All heavy atoms as atom14 arrays in JSON, in Angstrom:
{
  "sequence": "FVQAARFSKDEDSVLSASVDCTIARWDVLSGDCTKRFQ",
  "atom14_mask": [
    [1, 1, 1, 1, 1, 1, 1, 1, 1, 1, 1, 0, 0, 0],
    [1, 1, 1, 1, 1, 1, 1, 0, 0, 0, 0, 0, 0, 0],
    [1, 1, 1, 1, 1, 1, 1, 1, 1, 0, 0, 0, 0, 0],
    [1, 1, 1, 1, 1, 0, 0, 0, 0, 0, 0, 0, 0, 0],
    [1, 1, 1, 1, 1, 0, 0, 0, 0, 0, 0, 0, 0, 0],
    [1, 1, 1, 1, 1, 1, 1, 1, 1, 1, 1, 0, 0, 0],
    [1, 1, 1, 1, 1, 1, 1, 1, 1, 1, 1, 0, 0, 0],
    [1, 1, 1, 1, 1, 1, 0, 0, 0, 0, 0, 0, 0, 0],
    [1, 1, 1, 1, 1, 1, 1, 1, 1, 0, 0, 0, 0, 0],
    [1, 1, 1, 1, 1, 1, 1, 1, 0, 0, 0, 0, 0, 0],
    [1, 1, 1, 1, 1, 1, 1, 1, 1, 0, 0, 0, 0, 0],
    [1, 1, 1, 1, 1, 1, 1, 1, 0, 0, 0, 0, 0, 0],
    [1, 1, 1, 1, 1, 1, 0, 0, 0, 0, 0, 0, 0, 0],
    [1, 1, 1, 1, 1, 1, 1, 0, 0, 0, 0, 0, 0, 0],
    [1, 1, 1, 1, 1, 1, 1, 1, 0, 0, 0, 0, 0, 0],
    [1, 1, 1, 1, 1, 1, 0, 0, 0, 0, 0, 0, 0, 0],
    [1, 1, 1, 1, 1, 0, 0, 0, 0, 0, 0, 0, 0, 0],
    [1, 1, 1, 1, 1, 1, 0, 0, 0, 0, 0, 0, 0, 0],
    [1, 1, 1, 1, 1, 1, 1, 0, 0, 0, 0, 0, 0, 0],
    [1, 1, 1, 1, 1, 1, 1, 1, 0, 0, 0, 0, 0, 0],
    [1, 1, 1, 1, 1, 1, 0, 0, 0, 0, 0, 0, 0, 0],
    [1, 1, 1, 1, 1, 1, 1, 0, 0, 0, 0, 0, 0, 0],
    [1, 1, 1, 1, 1, 1, 1, 1, 0, 0, 0, 0, 0, 0],
    [1, 1, 1, 1, 1, 0, 0, 0, 0, 0, 0, 0, 0, 0],
    [1, 1, 1, 1, 1, 1, 1, 1, 1, 1, 1, 0, 0, 0],
    [1, 1, 1, 1, 1, 1, 1, 1, 1, 1, 1, 1, 1, 1],
    [1, 1, 1, 1, 1, 1, 1, 1, 0, 0, 0, 0, 0, 0],
    [1, 1, 1, 1, 1, 1, 1, 0, 0, 0, 0, 0, 0, 0],
    [1, 1, 1, 1, 1, 1, 1, 1, 0, 0, 0, 0, 0, 0],
    [1, 1, 1, 1, 1, 1, 0, 0, 0, 0, 0, 0, 0, 0],
    [1, 1, 1, 1, 0, 0, 0, 0, 0, 0, 0, 0, 0, 0],
    [1, 1, 1, 1, 1, 1, 1, 1, 0, 0, 0, 0, 0, 0],
    [1, 1, 1, 1, 1, 1, 0, 0, 0, 0, 0, 0, 0, 0],
    [1, 1, 1, 1, 1, 1, 1, 0, 0, 0, 0, 0, 0, 0],
    [1, 1, 1, 1, 1, 1, 1, 1, 1, 0, 0, 0, 0, 0],
    [1, 1, 1, 1, 1, 1, 1, 1, 1, 1, 1, 0, 0, 0],
    [1, 1, 1, 1, 1, 1, 1, 1, 1, 1, 1, 0, 0, 0],
    [1, 1, 1, 1, 1, 1, 1, 1, 1, 0, 0, 0, 0, 0]
  ],
  "atom14_positions": [
    [[-4.45, -6.04, -11.31], [-3.46, -6.88, -10.63], [-2.59, -6.06, -9.69], [-2.2, -4.94, -10.0], [-2.53, -7.57, -11.63], [-3.22, -8.32, -12.73], [-2.6, -8.48, -13.97], [-4.49, -8.86, -12.57], [-3.2, -9.19, -14.99], [-5.1, -9.57, -13.59], [-4.46, -9.73, -14.81], [0.0, 0.0, 0.0], [0.0, 0.0, 0.0], [0.0, 0.0, 0.0]],
    [[-2.23, -6.65, -8.56], [-1.24, -6.04, -7.67], [0.07, -6.8, -7.87], [0.14, -8.01, -7.67], [-1.67, -6.11, -6.19], [-0.64, -5.43, -5.31], [-3.03, -5.43, -6.01], [0.0, 0.0, 0.0], [0.0, 0.0, 0.0], [0.0, 0.0, 0.0], [0.0, 0.0, 0.0], [0.0, 0.0, 0.0], [0.0, 0.0, 0.0], [0.0, 0.0, 0.0]],
    [[1.1, -6.09, -8.28], [2.37, -6.71, -8.64], [3.29, -6.95, -7.44], [4.09, -7.88, -7.44], [3.09, -5.83, -9.66], [2.37, -5.69, -10.99], [2.59, -6.87, -11.9], [2.3, -8.01, -11.54], [3.14, -6.62, -13.06], [0.0, 0.0, 0.0], [0.0, 0.0, 0.0], [0.0, 0.0, 0.0], [0.0, 0.0, 0.0], [0.0, 0.0, 0.0]],
    [[3.2, -6.08, -6.42], [4.11, -6.19, -5.29], [3.53, -5.48, -4.08], [2.73, -4.55, -4.21], [5.47, -5.59, -5.64], [0.0, 0.0, 0.0], [0.0, 0.0, 0.0], [0.0, 0.0, 0.0], [0.0, 0.0, 0.0], [0.0, 0.0, 0.0], [0.0, 0.0, 0.0], [0.0, 0.0, 0.0], [0.0, 0.0, 0.0], [0.0, 0.0, 0.0]],
    [[3.95, -5.94, -2.89], [3.55, -5.29, -1.63], [4.69, -5.42, -0.63], [5.38, -6.43, -0.6], [2.28, -5.92, -1.09], [0.0, 0.0, 0.0], [0.0, 0.0, 0.0], [0.0, 0.0, 0.0], [0.0, 0.0, 0.0], [0.0, 0.0, 0.0], [0.0, 0.0, 0.0], [0.0, 0.0, 0.0], [0.0, 0.0, 0.0], [0.0, 0.0, 0.0]],
    [[4.88, -4.38, 0.2], [5.96, -4.37, 1.17], [5.49, -3.76, 2.5], [4.73, -2.8, 2.5], [7.14, -3.51, 0.67], [7.59, -3.8, -0.74], [8.56, -4.94, -0.81], [9.01, -5.12, -2.19], [9.86, -6.03, -2.58], [10.39, -6.86, -1.68], [10.24, -6.13, -3.85], [0.0, 0.0, 0.0], [0.0, 0.0, 0.0], [0.0, 0.0, 0.0]],
    [[6.0, -4.3, 3.6], [5.79, -3.7, 4.91], [6.72, -2.49, 5.09], [7.82, -2.46, 4.56], [6.15, -4.7, 6.02], [5.1, -5.72, 6.33], [5.3, -7.04, 5.98], [3.95, -5.37, 7.0], [4.36, -8.01, 6.29], [2.99, -6.32, 7.31], [3.19, -7.65, 6.96], [0.0, 0.0, 0.0], [0.0, 0.0, 0.0], [0.0, 0.0, 0.0]],
    [[6.28, -1.53, 5.9], [7.19, -0.52, 6.42], [8.02, -1.19, 7.51], [7.65, -2.25, 8.02], [6.42, 0.68, 6.98], [5.59, 0.27, 8.05], [0.0, 0.0, 0.0], [0.0, 0.0, 0.0], [0.0, 0.0, 0.0], [0.0, 0.0, 0.0], [0.0, 0.0, 0.0], [0.0, 0.0, 0.0], [0.0, 0.0, 0.0], [0.0, 0.0, 0.0]],
    [[9.12, -0.57, 7.9], [9.99, -1.19, 8.9], [9.29, -1.37, 10.24], [9.48, -2.36, 10.94], [11.27, -0.36, 9.06], [12.33, -1.07, 9.88], [13.66, -0.35, 9.81], [14.73, -1.13, 10.56], [16.06, -0.47, 10.48], [0.0, 0.0, 0.0], [0.0, 0.0, 0.0], [0.0, 0.0, 0.0], [0.0, 0.0, 0.0], [0.0, 0.0, 0.0]],
    [[8.44, -0.39, 10.61], [7.72, -0.49, 11.88], [6.43, -1.32, 11.76], [5.73, -1.51, 12.75], [7.4, 0.9, 12.45], [6.56, 1.75, 11.49], [5.99, 1.19, 10.52], [6.46, 2.96, 11.72], [0.0, 0.0, 0.0], [0.0, 0.0, 0.0], [0.0, 0.0, 0.0], [0.0, 0.0, 0.0], [0.0, 0.0, 0.0], [0.0, 0.0, 0.0]],
    [[6.14, -1.77, 10.55], [4.98, -2.62, 10.26], [3.64, -1.91, 10.48], [2.59, -2.55, 10.53], [5.01, -3.93, 11.07], [6.21, -4.78, 10.77], [6.24, -6.07, 11.6], [5.16, -6.55, 11.98], [7.34, -6.58, 11.86], [0.0, 0.0, 0.0], [0.0, 0.0, 0.0], [0.0, 0.0, 0.0], [0.0, 0.0, 0.0], [0.0, 0.0, 0.0]],
    [[3.67, -0.58, 10.56], [2.42, 0.17, 10.73], [1.69, 0.39, 9.41], [0.49, 0.68, 9.39], [2.7, 1.53, 11.37], [3.04, 1.42, 12.84], [2.73, 0.36, 13.44], [3.62, 2.37, 13.4], [0.0, 0.0, 0.0], [0.0, 0.0, 0.0], [0.0, 0.0, 0.0], [0.0, 0.0, 0.0], [0.0, 0.0, 0.0], [0.0, 0.0, 0.0]],
    [[2.43, 0.26, 8.31], [1.82, 0.5, 7.0], [2.35, -0.49, 5.97], [3.36, -1.14, 6.17], [2.07, 1.94, 6.54], [3.47, 2.16, 6.34], [0.0, 0.0, 0.0], [0.0, 0.0, 0.0], [0.0, 0.0, 0.0], [0.0, 0.0, 0.0], [0.0, 0.0, 0.0], [0.0, 0.0, 0.0], [0.0, 0.0, 0.0], [0.0, 0.0, 0.0]],
    [[1.63, -0.56, 4.87], [1.97, -1.44, 3.76], [1.89, -0.63, 2.47], [0.99, 0.2, 2.31], [0.99, -2.63, 3.69], [1.03, -3.32, 2.33], [1.29, -3.64, 4.78], [0.0, 0.0, 0.0], [0.0, 0.0, 0.0], [0.0, 0.0, 0.0], [0.0, 0.0, 0.0], [0.0, 0.0, 0.0], [0.0, 0.0, 0.0], [0.0, 0.0, 0.0]],
    [[2.84, -0.85, 1.58], [2.81, -0.24, 0.23], [2.44, -1.32, -0.78], [2.85, -2.48, -0.64], [4.18, 0.33, -0.15], [4.65, 1.6, 0.54], [6.09, 1.88, 0.13], [3.76, 2.78, 0.19], [0.0, 0.0, 0.0], [0.0, 0.0, 0.0], [0.0, 0.0, 0.0], [0.0, 0.0, 0.0], [0.0, 0.0, 0.0], [0.0, 0.0, 0.0]],
    [[1.69, -0.95, -1.8], [1.38, -1.87, -2.88], [1.5, -1.19, -4.23], [1.26, 0.0, -4.36], [-0.05, -2.45, -2.72], [-1.02, -1.41, -2.69], [0.0, 0.0, 0.0], [0.0, 0.0, 0.0], [0.0, 0.0, 0.0], [0.0, 0.0, 0.0], [0.0, 0.0, 0.0], [0.0, 0.0, 0.0], [0.0, 0.0, 0.0], [0.0, 0.0, 0.0]],
    [[1.93, -1.95, -5.23], [2.12, -1.46, -6.6], [1.22, -2.24, -7.53], [1.23, -3.47, -7.5], [3.58, -1.61, -7.02], [0.0, 0.0, 0.0], [0.0, 0.0, 0.0], [0.0, 0.0, 0.0], [0.0, 0.0, 0.0], [0.0, 0.0, 0.0], [0.0, 0.0, 0.0], [0.0, 0.0, 0.0], [0.0, 0.0, 0.0], [0.0, 0.0, 0.0]],
    [[0.46, -1.55, -8.37], [-0.54, -2.21, -9.2], [-0.44, -1.86, -10.67], [0.05, -0.79, -11.04], [-1.94, -1.87, -8.68], [-2.94, -2.35, -9.56], [0.0, 0.0, 0.0], [0.0, 0.0, 0.0], [0.0, 0.0, 0.0], [0.0, 0.0, 0.0], [0.0, 0.0, 0.0], [0.0, 0.0, 0.0], [0.0, 0.0, 0.0], [0.0, 0.0, 0.0]],
    [[-0.95, -2.76, -11.48], [-1.05, -2.54, -12.93], [-2.03, -1.41, -13.24], [-2.03, -0.87, -14.35], [-1.47, -3.85, -13.63], [-1.73, -3.66, -15.11], [-0.38, -4.91, -13.44], [0.0, 0.0, 0.0], [0.0, 0.0, 0.0], [0.0, 0.0, 0.0], [0.0, 0.0, 0.0], [0.0, 0.0, 0.0], [0.0, 0.0, 0.0], [0.0, 0.0, 0.0]],
    [[-2.84, -1.01, -12.26], [-3.76, 0.12, -12.49], [-3.01, 1.46, -12.47], [-3.63, 2.51, -12.45], [-4.92, 0.12, -11.51], [-4.49, 0.37, -10.05], [-3.33, 0.75, -9.81], [-5.32, 0.15, -9.14], [0.0, 0.0, 0.0], [0.0, 0.0, 0.0], [0.0, 0.0, 0.0], [0.0, 0.0, 0.0], [0.0, 0.0, 0.0], [0.0, 0.0, 0.0]],
    [[-1.66, 1.4, -12.45], [-0.77, 2.56, -12.53], [-0.69, 3.35, -11.22], [-0.28, 4.51, -11.22], [-1.18, 3.52, -13.67], [-1.27, 2.71, -15.28], [0.0, 0.0, 0.0], [0.0, 0.0, 0.0], [0.0, 0.0, 0.0], [0.0, 0.0, 0.0], [0.0, 0.0, 0.0], [0.0, 0.0, 0.0], [0.0, 0.0, 0.0], [0.0, 0.0, 0.0]],
    [[-1.09, 2.74, -10.1], [-1.05, 3.45, -8.83], [-0.21, 2.73, -7.78], [-0.04, 1.51, -7.83], [-2.45, 3.66, -8.25], [-3.03, 2.4, -7.91], [-3.34, 4.41, -9.22], [0.0, 0.0, 0.0], [0.0, 0.0, 0.0], [0.0, 0.0, 0.0], [0.0, 0.0, 0.0], [0.0, 0.0, 0.0], [0.0, 0.0, 0.0], [0.0, 0.0, 0.0]],
    [[0.28, 3.52, -6.85], [0.89, 3.06, -5.6], [-0.08, 3.39, -4.48], [-0.62, 4.5, -4.44], [2.24, 3.76, -5.33], [3.23, 3.5, -6.47], [2.82, 3.32, -4.0], [3.67, 2.08, -6.61], [0.0, 0.0, 0.0], [0.0, 0.0, 0.0], [0.0, 0.0, 0.0], [0.0, 0.0, 0.0], [0.0, 0.0, 0.0], [0.0, 0.0, 0.0]],
    [[-0.31, 2.44, -3.59], [-1.21, 2.69, -2.46], [-0.49, 2.45, -1.16], [0.37, 1.57, -1.06], [-2.45, 1.8, -2.55], [0.0, 0.0, 0.0], [0.0, 0.0, 0.0], [0.0, 0.0, 0.0], [0.0, 0.0, 0.0], [0.0, 0.0, 0.0], [0.0, 0.0, 0.0], [0.0, 0.0, 0.0], [0.0, 0.0, 0.0], [0.0, 0.0, 0.0]],
    [[-0.83, 3.25, -0.15], [-0.31, 3.06, 1.2], [-1.48, 2.72, 2.11], [-2.5, 3.4, 2.11], [0.41, 4.32, 1.71], [1.15, 4.09, 3.02], [1.98, 5.29, 3.43], [1.16, 6.36, 3.98], [1.2, 7.62, 3.57], [1.97, 7.97, 2.56], [0.44, 8.53, 4.14], [0.0, 0.0, 0.0], [0.0, 0.0, 0.0], [0.0, 0.0, 0.0]],
    [[-1.33, 1.63, 2.87], [-2.42, 1.12, 3.7], [-2.04, 1.15, 5.17], [-0.91, 0.86, 5.53], [-2.72, -0.33, 3.3], [-2.92, -0.56, 1.84], [-1.94, -0.82, 0.93], [-4.14, -0.52, 1.12], [-2.48, -0.97, -0.33], [-3.84, -0.78, -0.25], [-5.48, -0.3, 1.48], [-4.8, -0.84, -1.24], [-6.45, -0.34, 0.49], [-6.11, -0.6, -0.86]],
    [[-3.03, 1.5, 6.0], [-2.83, 1.44, 7.45], [-3.09, 0.0, 7.91], [-4.17, -0.55, 7.67], [-3.8, 2.4, 8.14], [-3.63, 2.38, 9.65], [-2.73, 3.09, 10.15], [-4.39, 1.66, 10.34], [0.0, 0.0, 0.0], [0.0, 0.0, 0.0], [0.0, 0.0, 0.0], [0.0, 0.0, 0.0], [0.0, 0.0, 0.0], [0.0, 0.0, 0.0]],
    [[-2.09, -0.61, 8.54], [-2.21, -2.01, 8.93], [-3.29, -2.25, 9.96], [-4.03, -3.24, 9.91], [-0.85, -2.54, 9.43], [-0.99, -3.9, 10.09], [0.15, -2.62, 8.28], [0.0, 0.0, 0.0], [0.0, 0.0, 0.0], [0.0, 0.0, 0.0], [0.0, 0.0, 0.0], [0.0, 0.0, 0.0], [0.0, 0.0, 0.0], [0.0, 0.0, 0.0]],
    [[-3.43, -1.33, 10.91], [-4.41, -1.51, 11.98], [-5.85, -1.43, 11.47], [-6.66, -2.32, 11.76], [-4.18, -0.46, 13.07], [-5.0, -0.64, 14.36], [-4.68, -1.96, 15.04], [-4.75, 0.53, 15.31], [0.0, 0.0, 0.0], [0.0, 0.0, 0.0], [0.0, 0.0, 0.0], [0.0, 0.0, 0.0], [0.0, 0.0, 0.0], [0.0, 0.0, 0.0]],
    [[-6.15, -0.41, 10.68], [-7.52, -0.21, 10.23], [-7.83, -0.9, 8.91], [-8.99, -1.19, 8.58], [-7.83, 1.3, 10.08], [-7.05, 1.85, 9.03], [0.0, 0.0, 0.0], [0.0, 0.0, 0.0], [0.0, 0.0, 0.0], [0.0, 0.0, 0.0], [0.0, 0.0, 0.0], [0.0, 0.0, 0.0], [0.0, 0.0, 0.0], [0.0, 0.0, 0.0]],
    [[-6.79, -1.12, 8.09], [-6.98, -1.69, 6.77], [-7.35, -0.64, 5.72], [-7.59, -0.97, 4.56], [0.0, 0.0, 0.0], [0.0, 0.0, 0.0], [0.0, 0.0, 0.0], [0.0, 0.0, 0.0], [0.0, 0.0, 0.0], [0.0, 0.0, 0.0], [0.0, 0.0, 0.0], [0.0, 0.0, 0.0], [0.0, 0.0, 0.0], [0.0, 0.0, 0.0]],
    [[-7.39, 0.63, 6.13], [-7.79, 1.71, 5.22], [-6.64, 2.14, 4.32], [-5.47, 2.07, 4.71], [-8.26, 2.93, 6.01], [-9.54, 2.66, 6.79], [-10.31, 1.76, 6.38], [-9.77, 3.36, 7.81], [0.0, 0.0, 0.0], [0.0, 0.0, 0.0], [0.0, 0.0, 0.0], [0.0, 0.0, 0.0], [0.0, 0.0, 0.0], [0.0, 0.0, 0.0]],
    [[-6.99, 2.6, 3.12], [-6.01, 3.19, 2.21], [-5.83, 4.66, 2.63], [-6.77, 5.45, 2.58], [-6.5, 3.1, 0.77], [-5.36, 3.82, -0.43], [0.0, 0.0, 0.0], [0.0, 0.0, 0.0], [0.0, 0.0, 0.0], [0.0, 0.0, 0.0], [0.0, 0.0, 0.0], [0.0, 0.0, 0.0], [0.0, 0.0, 0.0], [0.0, 0.0, 0.0]],
    [[-4.62, 5.0, 3.09], [-4.36, 6.35, 3.56], [-3.79, 7.27, 2.49], [-3.82, 8.49, 2.62], [-3.39, 6.33, 4.76], [-2.16, 5.68, 4.36], [-4.0, 5.55, 5.92], [0.0, 0.0, 0.0], [0.0, 0.0, 0.0], [0.0, 0.0, 0.0], [0.0, 0.0, 0.0], [0.0, 0.0, 0.0], [0.0, 0.0, 0.0], [0.0, 0.0, 0.0]],
    [[-3.27, 6.69, 1.41], [-2.75, 7.49, 0.3], [-2.71, 6.63, -0.95], [-2.34, 5.45, -0.9], [-1.34, 7.99, 0.62], [-0.81, 9.02, -0.36], [-1.53, 10.35, -0.2], [-0.99, 11.41, -1.15], [-1.68, 12.7, -0.99], [0.0, 0.0, 0.0], [0.0, 0.0, 0.0], [0.0, 0.0, 0.0], [0.0, 0.0, 0.0], [0.0, 0.0, 0.0]],
    [[-3.07, 7.23, -2.06], [-3.0, 6.54, -3.34], [-2.63, 7.54, -4.42], [-3.23, 8.62, -4.49], [-4.35, 5.88, -3.67], [-4.31, 4.97, -4.89], [-5.65, 4.26, -5.05], [-5.68, 3.46, -6.23], [-6.75, 2.76, -6.64], [-7.85, 2.78, -5.92], [-6.7, 2.04, -7.74], [0.0, 0.0, 0.0], [0.0, 0.0, 0.0], [0.0, 0.0, 0.0]],
    [[-1.64, 7.23, -5.23], [-1.2, 8.17, -6.24], [-0.67, 7.44, -7.47], [-0.22, 6.29, -7.39], [-0.13, 9.11, -5.69], [1.01, 8.43, -5.01], [2.13, 8.01, -5.71], [0.98, 8.22, -3.64], [3.19, 7.38, -5.09], [2.05, 7.59, -2.99], [3.15, 7.17, -3.71], [0.0, 0.0, 0.0], [0.0, 0.0, 0.0], [0.0, 0.0, 0.0]],
    [[-0.72, 8.14, -8.61], [-0.19, 7.59, -9.85], [1.32, 7.84, -9.93], [1.83, 8.8, -9.35], [-0.87, 8.24, -11.07], [-2.24, 7.69, -11.38], [-2.71, 8.16, -12.74], [-2.44, 9.29, -13.15], [-3.41, 7.3, -13.46], [0.0, 0.0, 0.0], [0.0, 0.0, 0.0], [0.0, 0.0, 0.0], [0.0, 0.0, 0.0], [0.0, 0.0, 0.0]]
  ]
}
């Protein structure tokens, strides 16, 4: 499950928080995950 997601102020990236114990950062233009960490 993904519990929450937020835009960056410039809207270039998105953060998401999941029950899988990770935070992910996504590039809005490409849709790629640029960083993921526990």
